[in-house]
Amino acid sequence: MSLTRIILLLCAATLVLACGGDEETVEIEGGELTFQAEGEGVRISGEKEGVGAISGQFGENAEIPDGFPEDVPIYPDAKVVGSMVAGGGGMVTLQSGDDVGTVTAFYRENLAKEGWSLASEMDLGDQRVLAVQKEGRNGAVQISREGSDTNILITIGMGD
């Protein structure tokens, strides 16, 4: 199941939960996902054949997921707004008040300190993308400005 499909299911479940439900289970090909309301957020859990366990959190209770690689730096004082782990990969979304250039410099420096090599970098003005590699794993850090917030999306293939 693609991350896009999971996000679409998350949006649909969020609408159902926003209309008064506490929990919604959605059948997916080869498994199912359960969406549970948690205050101003949603917790996702489930399993898919060929992928294994799927878990995530979005909203006020989001946190770095268990098993997220410790060699991937988390921006200091950033707020976790979403996370997901599925099929040997992970994703974390953070928000900071710092500007895109400051956040980009942090990731360039600290990923290198953790042994990640920069495969490519794209500068799109108010958005930067760092593609990184380490020991057979690939990842990306996307940094973009939205209003007064800088959004940081980290995606990492966690390997075996």
Protein backbone atom coordinates (compact mmCIF):
# COMPACT_ATOMS: atom_id res chain seq x y z
CA MET A 1 0.00 0.00 0.00
CA SER A 2 1.42 3.35 -0.96
CA LEU A 3 1.88 6.18 1.49
CA THR A 4 -0.51 8.24 -0.67
CA ARG A 5 -3.27 5.64 -0.23
CA ILE A 6 -2.68 5.52 3.53
CA ILE A 7 -2.90 9.31 3.71
CA LEU A 8 -6.15 9.28 1.72
CA LEU A 9 -7.58 6.66 4.08
CA LEU A 10 -6.40 8.76 7.02
CA CYS A 11 -8.25 11.78 5.62
CA ALA A 12 -11.44 9.76 5.13
CA ALA A 13 -11.23 8.28 8.62
CA THR A 14 -10.52 11.72 10.11
CA LEU A 15 -13.74 13.01 8.56
CA VAL A 16 -15.69 10.08 10.03
CA LEU A 17 -14.10 10.61 13.43
CA ALA A 18 -14.75 14.36 13.24
CA CYS A 19 -18.43 13.60 12.82
CA GLY A 20 -18.60 12.00 16.26
CA GLY A 21 -17.06 8.55 15.92
CA ASP A 22 -14.32 7.33 18.25
CA GLU A 23 -13.02 4.51 16.08
CA GLU A 24 -13.25 3.46 12.45
CA THR A 25 -11.86 0.30 10.86
CA VAL A 26 -11.24 0.27 7.13
CA GLU A 27 -10.69 -2.90 5.12
CA ILE A 28 -7.71 -2.69 2.78
CA GLU A 29 -6.41 -5.24 0.31
CA GLY A 30 -4.74 -7.90 2.44
CA GLY A 31 -5.57 -6.38 5.82
CA GLU A 32 -7.24 -3.60 7.72
CA LEU A 33 -6.49 -0.28 9.37
CA THR A 34 -8.08 1.06 12.54
CA PHE A 35 -8.29 4.80 13.12
CA GLN A 36 -8.91 5.95 16.71
CA ALA A 37 -9.69 9.50 17.78
CA GLU A 38 -7.34 10.84 20.46
CA GLY A 39 -8.24 14.38 21.47
CA GLU A 40 -7.28 16.56 18.50
CA GLY A 41 -5.50 13.71 16.76
CA VAL A 42 -5.78 10.27 15.25
CA ARG A 43 -3.92 7.02 15.99
CA ILE A 44 -3.60 4.44 13.21
CA SER A 45 -2.91 0.75 13.71
CA GLY A 46 -3.27 -2.28 11.53
CA GLU A 47 -1.63 -4.92 9.47
CA LYS A 48 -1.28 -5.64 5.79
CA GLU A 49 -0.19 -8.87 4.19
CA GLY A 50 3.30 -8.50 2.78
CA VAL A 51 3.89 -5.26 4.71
CA GLY A 52 3.36 -6.26 8.32
CA ALA A 53 2.36 -3.91 11.09
CA ILE A 54 1.31 -0.36 10.27
CA SER A 55 1.13 2.30 12.94
CA GLY A 56 0.96 6.05 13.04
CA GLN A 57 -0.14 9.14 14.90
CA PHE A 58 -1.28 12.50 13.59
CA GLY A 59 -2.27 15.58 15.58
CA GLU A 60 -1.65 16.75 19.12
CA ASN A 61 -0.52 13.36 20.50
CA ALA A 62 1.92 12.54 17.71
CA GLU A 63 5.39 11.41 18.72
CA ILE A 64 8.50 9.85 17.22
CA PRO A 65 7.49 6.22 16.52
CA ASP A 66 9.15 3.27 18.25
CA GLY A 67 11.85 1.87 16.03
CA PHE A 68 12.51 5.12 14.16
CA PRO A 69 16.25 5.14 13.42
CA GLU A 70 18.29 6.78 16.16
CA ASP A 71 20.85 7.93 13.57
CA VAL A 72 18.31 10.33 12.04
CA PRO A 73 18.45 13.66 13.89
CA ILE A 74 15.24 15.31 15.08
CA TYR A 75 15.28 19.11 14.82
CA PRO A 76 15.65 20.70 18.30
CA ASP A 77 12.43 22.00 19.87
CA ALA A 78 10.39 20.97 16.81
CA LYS A 79 6.82 19.82 17.37
CA VAL A 80 5.96 16.34 16.08
CA VAL A 81 2.73 16.63 14.07
CA GLY A 82 2.66 13.20 12.47
CA SER A 83 4.45 9.89 12.24
CA MET A 84 4.02 6.52 10.60
CA VAL A 85 5.87 3.21 10.42
CA ALA A 86 5.02 0.58 7.80
CA GLY A 87 6.82 -2.11 5.86
CA GLY A 88 10.34 -1.34 7.02
CA GLY A 89 10.02 2.40 6.46
CA GLY A 90 9.18 5.36 8.59
CA MET A 91 8.00 8.93 8.29
CA VAL A 92 7.98 11.83 10.75
CA THR A 93 6.52 15.29 10.19
CA LEU A 94 7.78 18.14 12.37
CA GLN A 95 7.11 21.88 12.68
CA SER A 96 9.50 24.63 13.76
CA GLY A 97 9.43 28.42 13.84
CA ASP A 98 12.99 28.56 12.45
CA ASP A 99 13.56 29.51 8.81
CA VAL A 100 14.16 27.00 5.99
CA GLY A 101 17.87 27.89 5.69
CA THR A 102 18.56 27.28 9.39
CA VAL A 103 16.74 23.94 9.38
CA THR A 104 18.47 22.86 6.16
CA ALA A 105 21.90 23.69 7.60
CA PHE A 106 21.07 21.64 10.73
CA TYR A 107 20.16 18.58 8.67
CA ARG A 108 23.15 18.89 6.33
CA GLU A 109 25.54 19.03 9.29
CA ASN A 110 23.89 16.52 11.62
CA LEU A 111 23.04 13.86 9.04
CA ALA A 112 26.72 13.92 7.99
CA LYS A 113 27.78 13.54 11.65
CA GLU A 114 25.58 10.42 11.82
CA GLY A 115 27.26 8.92 8.75
CA TRP A 116 24.60 9.78 6.15
CA SER A 117 25.85 10.93 2.74
CA LEU A 118 24.03 13.57 0.75
CA ALA A 119 23.01 11.99 -2.57
CA SER A 120 21.35 15.14 -3.90
CA GLU A 121 19.88 18.46 -2.83
CA MET A 122 17.17 20.55 -4.45
CA ASP A 123 16.66 24.22 -3.64
CA LEU A 124 13.21 25.40 -4.67
CA GLY A 125 13.27 28.73 -2.82
CA ASP A 126 11.04 28.24 0.21
CA GLN A 127 11.43 24.47 -0.09
CA ARG A 128 14.51 22.26 0.12
CA VAL A 129 14.86 18.52 -0.36
CA LEU A 130 17.86 16.53 0.87
CA ALA A 131 18.16 12.97 -0.45
CA VAL A 132 20.41 10.88 1.79
CA GLN A 133 21.94 7.39 1.89
CA LYS A 134 23.59 5.23 4.53
CA GLU A 135 24.48 1.55 4.57
CA GLY A 136 21.87 0.48 2.03
CA ARG A 137 19.16 2.75 3.42
CA ASN A 138 17.70 5.73 1.57
CA GLY A 139 15.85 8.70 2.89
CA ALA A 140 14.79 12.26 2.29
CA VAL A 141 14.30 15.38 4.34
CA GLN A 142 11.86 17.87 2.82
CA ILE A 143 11.84 21.32 4.42
CA SER A 144 9.25 23.91 3.45
CA ARG A 145 7.81 27.17 4.75
CA GLU A 146 4.08 27.62 5.35
CA GLY A 147 3.11 30.89 6.99
CA SER A 148 5.13 31.27 10.18
CA ASP A 149 5.98 27.54 10.37
CA THR A 150 8.69 25.49 8.74
CA ASN A 151 7.50 21.96 8.01
CA ILE A 152 10.02 19.13 8.08
CA LEU A 153 9.09 15.78 6.49
CA ILE A 154 11.58 12.97 7.12
CA THR A 155 11.14 9.67 5.28
CA ILE A 156 13.55 6.81 5.87
CA GLY A 157 13.72 3.24 4.65
CA MET A 158 14.60 1.41 7.86
CA GLY A 159 16.25 -1.59 6.25
CA ASP A 160 16.09 -5.12 7.60
